[in-house]
Protein backbone atom coordinates (compact mmCIF):
# COMPACT_ATOMS: atom_id res chain seq x y z
CA MET A 1 44.28 5.00 -28.58
CA ARG A 2 46.14 6.03 -25.83
CA PHE A 3 46.76 9.38 -27.49
CA LEU A 4 43.31 9.60 -27.66
CA LEU A 5 42.26 9.37 -24.09
CA LEU A 6 44.78 11.78 -23.30
CA ALA A 7 43.88 14.16 -25.40
CA SER A 8 39.87 14.04 -24.21
CA ALA A 9 41.18 14.27 -20.65
CA ALA A 10 43.22 17.31 -21.41
CA LEU A 11 40.53 18.91 -23.27
CA LEU A 12 38.08 17.89 -20.19
CA LEU A 13 40.91 19.61 -17.66
CA ASN A 14 40.99 22.74 -19.65
CA ALA A 15 37.37 23.22 -20.33
CA PRO A 16 35.45 25.97 -18.96
CA VAL A 17 33.43 25.68 -16.02
CA PHE A 18 29.79 26.87 -16.12
CA ALA A 19 27.59 26.67 -12.63
CA GLN A 20 24.45 28.29 -12.43
CA THR A 21 24.44 31.46 -10.35
CA PRO A 22 22.57 31.39 -7.09
CA ALA A 23 19.86 33.92 -8.70
CA ALA A 24 19.57 31.71 -11.66
CA MET A 25 18.58 28.50 -10.01
CA PRO A 26 15.44 28.15 -9.45
CA THR A 27 13.63 28.41 -5.81
CA PRO A 28 11.67 25.04 -4.42
CA PRO A 29 8.40 25.71 -3.06
CA ALA A 30 8.54 25.95 0.70
CA ALA A 31 8.53 22.34 2.96
CA PRO A 32 5.60 22.08 5.01
CA GLU A 33 6.63 22.24 8.73
CA VAL A 34 7.43 18.12 9.93
CA THR A 35 6.67 17.16 13.64
CA ALA A 36 8.40 14.32 15.01
CA HIS A 37 7.15 12.89 18.42
CA ALA A 38 8.92 10.87 20.74
CA SER A 39 7.57 8.30 22.98
CA ARG A 40 8.09 5.42 24.60
CA MET A 41 7.48 1.91 23.35
CA HIS A 42 6.88 -1.77 24.35
CA THR A 43 5.86 -4.77 22.11
CA LEU A 44 3.77 -7.42 21.78
CA THR A 45 4.55 -10.57 20.07
CA LEU A 46 2.71 -13.15 18.24
CA ARG A 47 2.57 -16.21 16.01
CA LEU A 48 -0.08 -16.89 13.32
CA ARG A 49 -0.96 -20.36 13.08
CA PRO A 50 -1.77 -22.50 9.59
CA GLY A 51 -5.20 -20.92 7.50
CA GLN A 52 -5.41 -17.55 9.71
CA ASP A 53 -5.69 -14.04 7.98
CA LEU A 54 -2.57 -12.26 8.65
CA ARG A 55 -4.56 -8.38 7.62
CA GLN A 56 -7.98 -9.88 10.05
CA GLN A 57 -5.39 -11.14 12.81
CA LEU A 58 -3.94 -8.03 12.83
CA THR A 59 -7.01 -5.92 12.30
CA ALA A 60 -8.49 -8.22 15.62
CA LEU A 61 -5.45 -7.88 17.88
CA THR A 62 -5.63 -4.02 17.53
CA GLN A 63 -9.13 -3.52 18.22
CA GLN A 64 -8.88 -6.35 21.35
CA GLN A 65 -5.80 -4.22 22.50
CA HIS A 66 -7.43 -1.13 22.25
CA LEU A 67 -3.97 -0.30 20.33
CA ARG A 68 -4.31 3.99 19.34
CA ALA A 69 -0.62 3.53 18.06
CA ALA A 70 1.64 0.89 16.66
CA ALA A 71 3.85 -0.45 13.83
CA VAL A 72 5.17 -3.65 12.85
CA LEU A 73 8.68 -4.21 13.51
CA THR A 74 9.58 -7.34 11.79
CA CYS A 75 7.15 -10.31 10.38
CA VAL A 76 8.32 -13.80 8.98
CA GLY A 77 6.53 -16.23 7.68
CA SER A 78 5.21 -18.20 4.65
CA LEU A 79 1.37 -17.45 2.92
CA THR A 80 -0.26 -20.08 0.42
CA GLN A 81 -2.75 -17.18 -0.66
CA VAL A 82 -1.77 -13.55 -0.90
CA THR A 83 -4.20 -10.44 -1.60
CA LEU A 84 -2.19 -7.21 -2.31
CA ARG A 85 -3.79 -3.79 -3.93
CA LEU A 86 -0.47 -2.86 -6.17
CA ALA A 87 0.46 0.38 -6.76
CA ASN A 88 -2.17 3.13 -7.96
CA GLN A 89 -4.59 0.13 -8.89
CA GLU A 90 -8.38 0.43 -7.57
CA GLY A 91 -8.76 -3.36 -6.93
CA PRO A 92 -7.33 -6.38 -5.14
CA THR A 93 -4.76 -8.71 -6.81
CA VAL A 94 -5.24 -12.73 -5.88
CA TYR A 95 -1.50 -14.88 -5.81
CA ARG A 96 -2.04 -18.47 -5.08
CA GLY A 97 1.24 -20.76 -4.45
CA HIS A 98 3.69 -20.48 -1.78
CA PHE A 99 5.19 -17.30 -0.86
CA GLU A 100 7.82 -16.37 1.89
CA ILE A 101 6.97 -13.10 3.68
CA VAL A 102 10.20 -10.94 2.73
CA SER A 103 8.39 -7.87 4.75
CA LEU A 104 5.48 -6.31 6.49
CA VAL A 105 5.65 -2.62 7.30
CA GLY A 106 3.15 -0.03 8.48
CA THR A 107 1.27 1.75 11.01
CA LEU A 108 -1.81 0.17 12.87
CA ALA A 109 -4.62 1.83 15.26
CA GLU A 110 -7.87 1.10 16.29
CA SER A 111 -8.65 4.97 14.04
CA GLY A 112 -7.31 2.99 10.92
CA SER A 113 -4.03 0.82 9.54
CA HIS A 114 -2.15 1.07 6.52
CA LEU A 115 0.27 -1.97 6.14
CA HIS A 116 2.67 -3.02 2.44
CA LEU A 117 3.34 -6.67 2.18
CA SER A 118 6.39 -7.95 0.06
CA VAL A 119 6.08 -11.83 -0.74
CA ALA A 120 8.92 -13.87 -2.92
CA ASP A 121 7.68 -17.17 -4.97
CA SER A 122 9.98 -19.90 -5.20
CA THR A 123 11.91 -18.00 -8.37
CA GLY A 124 13.17 -15.24 -5.70
CA ARG A 125 10.84 -13.11 -7.41
CA THR A 126 9.48 -10.26 -5.38
CA ILE A 127 6.13 -8.31 -4.91
CA GLY A 128 4.28 -6.17 -2.97
CA GLY A 129 1.70 -3.52 -2.20
CA HIS A 130 -1.38 -2.76 0.34
CA LEU A 131 -1.80 -5.41 2.45
CA LEU A 132 -5.99 -6.51 2.28
CA ASP A 133 -7.76 -9.28 3.63
CA GLY A 134 -6.97 -12.52 2.04
CA ASN A 135 -3.37 -13.41 3.15
CA VAL A 136 -3.82 -16.51 4.27
CA VAL A 137 -0.52 -18.30 6.61
CA TYR A 138 0.69 -21.72 5.64
CA THR A 139 3.45 -22.36 8.06
CA THR A 140 3.52 -19.52 10.48
CA ALA A 141 3.42 -15.84 10.89
CA GLU A 142 5.83 -14.76 13.51
CA LEU A 143 5.37 -10.89 14.00
CA VAL A 144 6.47 -8.09 17.03
CA LEU A 145 4.71 -4.66 16.72
CA GLY A 146 5.79 -1.73 18.93
CA VAL A 147 3.39 -0.10 21.18
CA LEU A 148 3.79 3.77 21.41
CA GLU A 149 2.63 4.52 24.69
CA ASP A 150 2.78 8.67 24.18
CA VAL A 151 1.41 9.35 20.40
CA GLU A 152 -2.04 8.51 19.19
CA PHE A 153 -2.96 7.55 15.30
CA GLY A 154 -5.66 9.09 13.44
CA ARG A 155 -6.65 9.49 9.50
CA GLU A 156 -7.33 12.52 8.16
CA ALA A 157 -8.23 13.44 4.75
CA ASP A 158 -5.34 14.81 2.48
CA PRO A 159 -6.44 16.99 0.04
CA THR A 160 -3.76 16.13 -2.31
CA PHE A 161 -4.98 12.85 -3.59
CA GLY A 162 -8.14 12.61 -1.41
CA TYR A 163 -6.61 9.57 0.88
CA ARG A 164 -6.72 9.44 4.72
CA GLU A 165 -3.66 9.78 5.46
CA LEU A 166 -1.63 9.42 8.97
CA ALA A 167 -2.15 11.85 11.42
CA VAL A 168 0.02 11.82 15.04
CA LYS A 169 -1.05 13.61 18.17
CA PRO A 170 0.34 13.35 21.85
CA ALA A 171 -1.61 10.69 23.58
CA ALA A 172 -2.44 13.21 26.29
CA ALA A 173 -3.68 15.70 23.59
CA ALA A 174 -6.26 13.38 22.06
CA SER A 175 -7.36 11.43 24.48
CA ALA A 176 -8.38 14.98 26.04
CA LYS A 177 -10.04 15.52 23.12
CA ALA A 178 -11.92 12.36 22.84
CA GLY A 179 -13.46 12.90 26.45
CA ARG A 180 -11.18 10.18 27.77
CA LYS A 181 -8.40 9.82 30.33
CA PRO A 182 -5.34 8.94 29.65
CA PRO A 183 -3.96 5.56 31.09
CA LYS A 184 -2.90 4.76 34.56
CA GLY A 185 0.67 6.07 35.21
CA LYS A 186 0.65 8.52 31.75
CA LYS A 187 0.65 12.48 31.94
């Protein structure tokens, strides 16, 4: 057996090496230019109570606070009903029971939000998808949101699949376009 291993290793070490030359390698398509926008941030913290709907409360807070660009930084808690749009599915899937919130991530803005939720059941099985209305708090949902002060989120149709996807603009440019003045203290 040892002889076979040594013989195999010797063959591999002495085997010719084949590599593609640069001319033979396919050229990947040019990647679109990526633009990133820096922004100052402040936080909002909140606790949702038993019976409240997670998405409805986030939507109400987004409207009440006139959030132009925010992100979920963290969320822990539990739910008795979970309503998600699973990957590549058209409609909602509803789960009933007791679930721990494992993760809530996404963007929030008056112009539209995009949130994903992951939850675990009592066996540790984890499911996740797009957060929809119908996620009912069991004991608590404790959230920290990051509010971005220098950018504004919008939603624009992406021709690739037809979904309205995130568009990020500097807040001053977005405010001027909408005919609004930037908030006091901002230039």
